[in-house]
Amino acid sequence: MNFIGMNYKTMTGNNMEELLELIKAKLEEKKAEDISVIDISELSIMADYFVIASGSNANQIHAMADFLEEELAKKGIKPKHIEGYNTANWILLDYSDIIIHIFDKESRSFYDLDHIWKGGKIITLP
């Protein structure tokens, strides 16, 4: 998968699925738990997809966010915005059409984005 030079904001079909698969795989490499990918394109104009994952502690959450940002940058994909890095209970990586949420377990349960966005389509990736 080579996304360099490709405008990921206009990806469709297989290219977007490949990017979501890459994101999921990189999160799994850092032992992310309970990874959900939700298509919210019919529900919101803020993004097309949410990727939601959990980590067990601040160090792991930082490592997941750092690793994901580095690996996507190698593909020419950089975040538009990052929030929550200092507290590490909820780090948000905004890649425009894809927003990645990395939570600690307590914050994920509290904010319950999976439930709030239950009207979206759950995407099953390998």
C-alpha atoms as a PDB file:
ATOM      1  CA  MET A   1       0.000   0.000   0.000  1.00  0.00           C
ATOM      2  CA  ASN A   2       1.538   3.250  -1.127  1.00  0.00           C
ATOM      3  CA  PHE A   3      -0.526   6.350  -0.439  1.00  0.00           C
ATOM      4  CA  ILE A   4       2.250   8.894  -1.108  1.00  0.00           C
ATOM      5  CA  GLY A   5       1.009  11.586  -3.418  1.00  0.00           C
ATOM      6  CA  MET A   6      -2.559  10.345  -3.141  1.00  0.00           C
ATOM      7  CA  ASN A   7      -5.152  12.711  -1.769  1.00  0.00           C
ATOM      8  CA  TYR A   8      -6.587  10.456   0.926  1.00  0.00           C
ATOM      9  CA  LYS A   9      -9.463  12.898   1.458  1.00  0.00           C
ATOM     10  CA  THR A  10     -10.860  11.896  -1.927  1.00  0.00           C
ATOM     11  CA  MET A  11     -10.189   8.160  -1.640  1.00  0.00           C
ATOM     12  CA  THR A  12     -13.060   5.841  -2.261  1.00  0.00           C
ATOM     13  CA  GLY A  13     -13.703   2.136  -2.209  1.00  0.00           C
ATOM     14  CA  ASN A  14     -10.652  -0.084  -2.022  1.00  0.00           C
ATOM     15  CA  ASN A  15      -8.141   2.697  -1.278  1.00  0.00           C
ATOM     16  CA  MET A  16     -10.082   3.932   1.759  1.00  0.00           C
ATOM     17  CA  GLU A  17     -10.559   0.359   2.969  1.00  0.00           C
ATOM     18  CA  GLU A  18      -6.816  -0.256   2.604  1.00  0.00           C
ATOM     19  CA  LEU A  19      -6.082   2.854   4.652  1.00  0.00           C
ATOM     20  CA  LEU A  20      -8.522   1.758   7.369  1.00  0.00           C
ATOM     21  CA  GLU A  21      -6.924  -1.708   7.359  1.00  0.00           C
ATOM     22  CA  LEU A  22      -3.492  -0.093   7.745  1.00  0.00           C
ATOM     23  CA  ILE A  23      -4.692   2.001  10.687  1.00  0.00           C
ATOM     24  CA  LYS A  24      -6.221  -1.040  12.368  1.00  0.00           C
ATOM     25  CA  ALA A  25      -3.079  -3.115  11.791  1.00  0.00           C
ATOM     26  CA  LYS A  26      -0.814  -0.422  13.246  1.00  0.00           C
ATOM     27  CA  LEU A  27      -3.038  -0.109  16.320  1.00  0.00           C
ATOM     28  CA  GLU A  28      -2.954  -3.894  16.737  1.00  0.00           C
ATOM     29  CA  GLU A  29       0.863  -3.837  16.569  1.00  0.00           C
ATOM     30  CA  LYS A  30       0.795  -1.699  19.713  1.00  0.00           C
ATOM     31  CA  LYS A  31      -1.731  -4.041  21.379  1.00  0.00           C
ATOM     32  CA  ALA A  32      -4.780  -1.801  21.055  1.00  0.00           C
ATOM     33  CA  GLU A  33      -7.928  -3.410  22.393  1.00  0.00           C
ATOM     34  CA  ASP A  34     -11.522  -3.404  21.191  1.00  0.00           C
ATOM     35  CA  ILE A  35     -10.891  -1.644  17.862  1.00  0.00           C
ATOM     36  CA  SER A  36     -14.070  -0.386  16.180  1.00  0.00           C
ATOM     37  CA  VAL A  37     -14.354   1.178  12.744  1.00  0.00           C
ATOM     38  CA  ILE A  38     -17.610   3.035  12.145  1.00  0.00           C
ATOM     39  CA  ASP A  39     -18.773   4.591   8.882  1.00  0.00           C
ATOM     40  CA  ILE A  40     -20.464   7.827   9.967  1.00  0.00           C
ATOM     41  CA  SER A  41     -20.654   9.378   6.492  1.00  0.00           C
ATOM     42  CA  GLU A  42     -24.456   9.255   6.444  1.00  0.00           C
ATOM     43  CA  LEU A  43     -24.695  10.788   9.927  1.00  0.00           C
ATOM     44  CA  SER A  44     -22.174  13.612  10.006  1.00  0.00           C
ATOM     45  CA  ILE A  45     -20.241  16.035   7.860  1.00  0.00           C
ATOM     46  CA  MET A  46     -17.270  16.103  10.268  1.00  0.00           C
ATOM     47  CA  ALA A  47     -15.770  12.843   8.966  1.00  0.00           C
ATOM     48  CA  ASP A  48     -16.596   9.670   7.093  1.00  0.00           C
ATOM     49  CA  TYR A  49     -15.087   7.203   9.556  1.00  0.00           C
ATOM     50  CA  PHE A  50     -14.319   6.898  13.238  1.00  0.00           C
ATOM     51  CA  VAL A  51     -11.685   4.436  14.382  1.00  0.00           C
ATOM     52  CA  ILE A  52     -12.027   3.821  18.112  1.00  0.00           C
ATOM     53  CA  ALA A  53      -9.503   1.861  20.180  1.00  0.00           C
ATOM     54  CA  SER A  54      -8.566   1.360  23.811  1.00  0.00           C
ATOM     55  CA  GLY A  55      -5.302   1.125  25.689  1.00  0.00           C
ATOM     56  CA  SER A  56      -4.642   0.041  29.238  1.00  0.00           C
ATOM     57  CA  ASN A  57      -2.469   2.949  30.420  1.00  0.00           C
ATOM     58  CA  ALA A  58      -1.142   6.372  29.413  1.00  0.00           C
ATOM     59  CA  ASN A  59       2.178   5.002  28.165  1.00  0.00           C
ATOM     60  CA  GLN A  60       0.462   2.540  25.843  1.00  0.00           C
ATOM     61  CA  ILE A  61      -1.982   5.190  24.609  1.00  0.00           C
ATOM     62  CA  HIS A  62       0.909   7.573  23.843  1.00  0.00           C
ATOM     63  CA  ALA A  63       2.793   4.754  22.098  1.00  0.00           C
ATOM     64  CA  MET A  64      -0.222   3.918  19.928  1.00  0.00           C
ATOM     65  CA  ALA A  65      -0.771   7.544  18.920  1.00  0.00           C
ATOM     66  CA  ASP A  66       2.937   8.163  18.248  1.00  0.00           C
ATOM     67  CA  PHE A  67       3.390   4.963  16.256  1.00  0.00           C
ATOM     68  CA  LEU A  68       0.268   5.535  14.196  1.00  0.00           C
ATOM     69  CA  GLU A  69       1.225   9.125  13.420  1.00  0.00           C
ATOM     70  CA  GLU A  70       4.764   8.048  12.389  1.00  0.00           C
ATOM     71  CA  GLU A  71       3.580   5.150  10.238  1.00  0.00           C
ATOM     72  CA  LEU A  72       0.953   7.198   8.415  1.00  0.00           C
ATOM     73  CA  ALA A  73       3.471  10.012   7.878  1.00  0.00           C
ATOM     74  CA  LYS A  74       5.695   7.471   6.069  1.00  0.00           C
ATOM     75  CA  LYS A  75       2.781   7.068   3.643  1.00  0.00           C
ATOM     76  CA  GLY A  76       2.504  10.830   3.201  1.00  0.00           C
ATOM     77  CA  ILE A  77      -0.531  11.140   5.473  1.00  0.00           C
ATOM     78  CA  LYS A  78      -0.363  13.718   8.254  1.00  0.00           C
ATOM     79  CA  PRO A  79      -2.993  14.645  10.823  1.00  0.00           C
ATOM     80  CA  LYS A  80      -4.862  17.902  10.501  1.00  0.00           C
ATOM     81  CA  HIS A  81      -5.109  18.128  14.280  1.00  0.00           C
ATOM     82  CA  ILE A  82      -4.262  16.176  17.446  1.00  0.00           C
ATOM     83  CA  GLU A  83      -6.031  16.622  20.774  1.00  0.00           C
ATOM     84  CA  GLY A  84      -5.671  15.147  24.241  1.00  0.00           C
ATOM     85  CA  TYR A  85      -2.043  14.083  23.972  1.00  0.00           C
ATOM     86  CA  ASN A  86      -1.023  15.610  27.304  1.00  0.00           C
ATOM     87  CA  THR A  87      -3.680  13.854  29.361  1.00  0.00           C
ATOM     88  CA  ALA A  88      -3.676  10.592  27.362  1.00  0.00           C
ATOM     89  CA  ASN A  89      -7.085   9.476  28.571  1.00  0.00           C
ATOM     90  CA  TRP A  90      -8.474  10.288  25.100  1.00  0.00           C
ATOM     91  CA  ILE A  91      -6.189  11.113  22.194  1.00  0.00           C
ATOM     92  CA  LEU A  92      -7.900  12.234  19.007  1.00  0.00           C
ATOM     93  CA  LEU A  93      -6.027  12.129  15.702  1.00  0.00           C
ATOM     94  CA  ASP A  94      -7.940  14.058  13.050  1.00  0.00           C
ATOM     95  CA  TYR A  95      -7.134  12.979   9.507  1.00  0.00           C
ATOM     96  CA  SER A  96     -10.130  14.884   8.043  1.00  0.00           C
ATOM     97  CA  ASP A  97     -12.240  12.017   6.670  1.00  0.00           C
ATOM     98  CA  ILE A  98     -10.944   9.611   9.316  1.00  0.00           C
ATOM     99  CA  ILE A  99     -10.901  10.529  12.987  1.00  0.00           C
ATOM    100  CA  ILE A 100      -9.045   8.155  15.293  1.00  0.00           C
ATOM    101  CA  HIS A 101      -9.985   8.033  18.974  1.00  0.00           C
ATOM    102  CA  ILE A 102      -7.624   6.264  21.380  1.00  0.00           C
ATOM    103  CA  PHE A 103      -9.068   5.966  24.868  1.00  0.00           C
ATOM    104  CA  ASP A 104      -8.180   4.560  28.223  1.00  0.00           C
ATOM    105  CA  LYS A 105     -10.852   2.063  29.251  1.00  0.00           C
ATOM    106  CA  GLU A 106     -12.539   4.350  31.787  1.00  0.00           C
ATOM    107  CA  SER A 107     -12.870   7.270  29.356  1.00  0.00           C
ATOM    108  CA  ARG A 108     -14.092   5.030  26.556  1.00  0.00           C
ATOM    109  CA  SER A 109     -16.817   3.704  28.788  1.00  0.00           C
ATOM    110  CA  PHE A 110     -17.723   7.210  30.006  1.00  0.00           C
ATOM    111  CA  TYR A 111     -17.900   8.893  26.577  1.00  0.00           C
ATOM    112  CA  ASP A 112     -19.305   5.759  24.887  1.00  0.00           C
ATOM    113  CA  LEU A 113     -18.797   6.900  21.288  1.00  0.00           C
ATOM    114  CA  ASP A 114     -19.675   3.402  20.096  1.00  0.00           C
ATOM    115  CA  HIS A 115     -23.185   3.920  21.471  1.00  0.00           C
ATOM    116  CA  ILE A 116     -23.521   7.578  20.462  1.00  0.00           C
ATOM    117  CA  TRP A 117     -22.669   6.691  16.846  1.00  0.00           C
ATOM    118  CA  LYS A 118     -24.589   3.401  16.811  1.00  0.00           C
ATOM    119  CA  GLY A 119     -26.513   4.648  13.767  1.00  0.00           C
ATOM    120  CA  GLY A 120     -23.317   4.352  11.749  1.00  0.00           C
ATOM    121  CA  LYS A 121     -22.302   1.247   9.861  1.00  0.00           C
ATOM    122  CA  ILE A 122     -19.820  -0.995  11.659  1.00  0.00           C
ATOM    123  CA  ILE A 123     -17.018  -1.845   9.235  1.00  0.00           C
ATOM    124  CA  THR A 124     -15.489  -5.304   9.572  1.00  0.00           C
ATOM    125  CA  LEU A 125     -11.833  -5.391   8.559  1.00  0.00           C
ATOM    126  CA  PRO A 126      -9.413  -8.316   8.513  1.00  0.00           C
END
